[in-house]
């Protein structure tokens, strides 16, 4: 069974930075494109960044130039470096695969990122 464990969230002021991490187990991590998703209160979960196994990256327009996704296949871990954070980045952040098969059935608990002054 696939397990995803997110960590690294917290409270940060606008303009600040955070790096969140996601450790994946129970699957061959290196074969999947992975993504970071977020869900703000009252909104649907959205994919904000993705990285292929070939290290190609893609970002939603609202985070381009501010967020950087990366992965370490040796550690089965995907990261999201978030800079110049804005109030609207407040959400619970989750990782999961990005595939035409859909996401893994299981989701982690997520990590809360709160941007507040």
Protein backbone atom coordinates (compact mmCIF):
# COMPACT_ATOMS: atom_id res chain seq x y z
CA UNK A 1 0.00 0.00 0.00
CA UNK A 2 1.30 3.43 -0.95
CA UNK A 3 1.99 5.78 1.93
CA UNK A 4 2.63 9.50 1.58
CA UNK A 5 3.85 11.54 4.53
CA UNK A 6 4.01 15.30 4.15
CA UNK A 7 5.90 17.58 6.51
CA UNK A 8 7.42 21.02 6.85
CA UNK A 9 4.41 23.30 6.85
CA UNK A 10 3.89 26.10 9.29
CA UNK A 11 3.03 29.73 9.86
CA UNK A 12 4.92 32.29 7.81
CA UNK A 13 4.57 35.99 7.11
CA UNK A 14 3.83 37.27 3.61
CA UNK A 15 7.01 37.32 1.57
CA UNK A 16 8.51 34.50 3.59
CA UNK A 17 9.65 31.03 2.58
CA UNK A 18 8.95 27.44 3.49
CA UNK A 19 10.05 24.07 2.18
CA UNK A 20 7.68 21.15 2.44
CA UNK A 21 8.65 17.53 1.96
CA UNK A 22 6.82 14.34 1.11
CA UNK A 23 8.20 10.88 1.78
CA UNK A 24 6.70 8.13 -0.35
CA UNK A 25 6.76 4.40 0.35
CA UNK A 26 5.08 1.29 -0.97
CA UNK A 27 5.74 1.99 -4.64
CA UNK A 28 8.63 2.36 -7.06
CA UNK A 29 8.91 6.10 -6.55
CA UNK A 30 11.27 6.79 -9.42
CA UNK A 31 8.91 5.71 -12.18
CA UNK A 32 6.19 8.23 -11.37
CA UNK A 33 5.73 11.87 -12.10
CA UNK A 34 4.91 13.49 -8.78
CA UNK A 35 3.02 16.60 -7.88
CA UNK A 36 2.15 18.93 -5.08
CA UNK A 37 -1.53 19.67 -4.63
CA UNK A 38 -3.16 22.12 -2.27
CA UNK A 39 -6.61 22.62 -0.86
CA UNK A 40 -7.70 25.91 0.65
CA UNK A 41 -10.80 26.16 2.87
CA UNK A 42 -13.96 25.97 0.79
CA UNK A 43 -12.06 25.25 -2.42
CA UNK A 44 -11.30 22.18 -4.48
CA UNK A 45 -7.90 20.54 -4.37
CA UNK A 46 -5.65 21.85 -7.15
CA UNK A 47 -2.38 20.69 -8.63
CA UNK A 48 0.19 23.47 -8.24
CA UNK A 49 3.46 21.85 -9.32
CA UNK A 50 4.62 18.63 -10.92
CA UNK A 51 7.90 16.95 -11.79
CA UNK A 52 8.44 14.06 -14.16
CA UNK A 53 10.91 11.24 -13.66
CA UNK A 54 13.04 13.09 -16.21
CA UNK A 55 12.95 16.16 -13.93
CA UNK A 56 10.76 18.27 -16.20
CA UNK A 57 8.69 20.62 -14.10
CA UNK A 58 5.40 22.40 -14.54
CA UNK A 59 3.62 24.99 -12.41
CA UNK A 60 0.22 26.59 -12.21
CA UNK A 61 0.41 30.25 -13.21
CA UNK A 62 -0.28 31.52 -9.69
CA UNK A 63 2.96 30.04 -8.32
CA UNK A 64 5.31 30.33 -11.31
CA UNK A 65 8.55 32.04 -10.37
CA UNK A 66 7.89 31.58 -6.64
CA UNK A 67 7.67 27.81 -6.10
CA UNK A 68 10.22 25.16 -7.05
CA UNK A 69 9.51 21.45 -7.06
CA UNK A 70 12.31 18.90 -6.84
CA UNK A 71 12.78 15.24 -6.07
CA UNK A 72 15.37 12.90 -4.61
CA UNK A 73 14.75 9.40 -5.92
CA UNK A 74 17.32 7.92 -3.56
CA UNK A 75 15.24 9.18 -0.64
CA UNK A 76 11.82 8.58 -2.23
CA UNK A 77 11.06 12.20 -1.44
CA UNK A 78 9.59 15.13 -3.30
CA UNK A 79 10.03 18.72 -2.14
CA UNK A 80 8.35 22.05 -2.72
CA UNK A 81 10.34 25.19 -2.04
CA UNK A 82 7.94 28.09 -1.61
CA UNK A 83 9.27 31.65 -1.75
CA UNK A 84 7.57 35.05 -1.74
CA UNK A 85 4.57 33.49 -0.08
CA UNK A 86 1.22 35.26 -0.33
CA UNK A 87 -1.94 35.13 1.77
CA UNK A 88 -3.62 33.14 -1.00
CA UNK A 89 -1.04 30.35 -0.68
CA UNK A 90 -2.64 29.37 2.62
CA UNK A 91 -3.82 25.78 2.25
CA UNK A 92 -3.16 22.19 3.18
CA UNK A 93 -0.48 20.84 0.86
CA UNK A 94 -0.44 17.23 -0.31
CA UNK A 95 1.76 15.23 -2.63
CA UNK A 96 0.63 12.46 -4.95
CA UNK A 97 1.50 11.10 -8.33
CA UNK A 98 0.58 12.83 -11.57
CA UNK A 99 -0.52 10.25 -14.10
CA UNK A 100 -3.22 9.48 -16.63
CA UNK A 101 -3.99 6.62 -14.22
CA UNK A 102 -4.94 9.28 -11.68
CA UNK A 103 -3.51 9.89 -8.26
CA UNK A 104 -2.70 7.08 -5.84
CA UNK A 105 -5.84 5.97 -4.03
CA UNK A 106 -4.35 6.93 -0.69
CA UNK A 107 -3.51 10.47 0.32
CA UNK A 108 -1.36 11.62 3.19
CA UNK A 109 -2.50 13.82 6.02
CA UNK A 110 -1.13 16.88 4.28
CA UNK A 111 0.84 19.71 5.81
CA UNK A 112 -0.75 23.04 6.71
CA UNK A 113 0.80 26.20 5.30
CA UNK A 114 -0.56 29.42 6.73
CA UNK A 115 0.54 32.80 5.42
CA UNK A 116 -0.43 35.50 7.85
CA UNK A 117 0.89 38.73 9.27
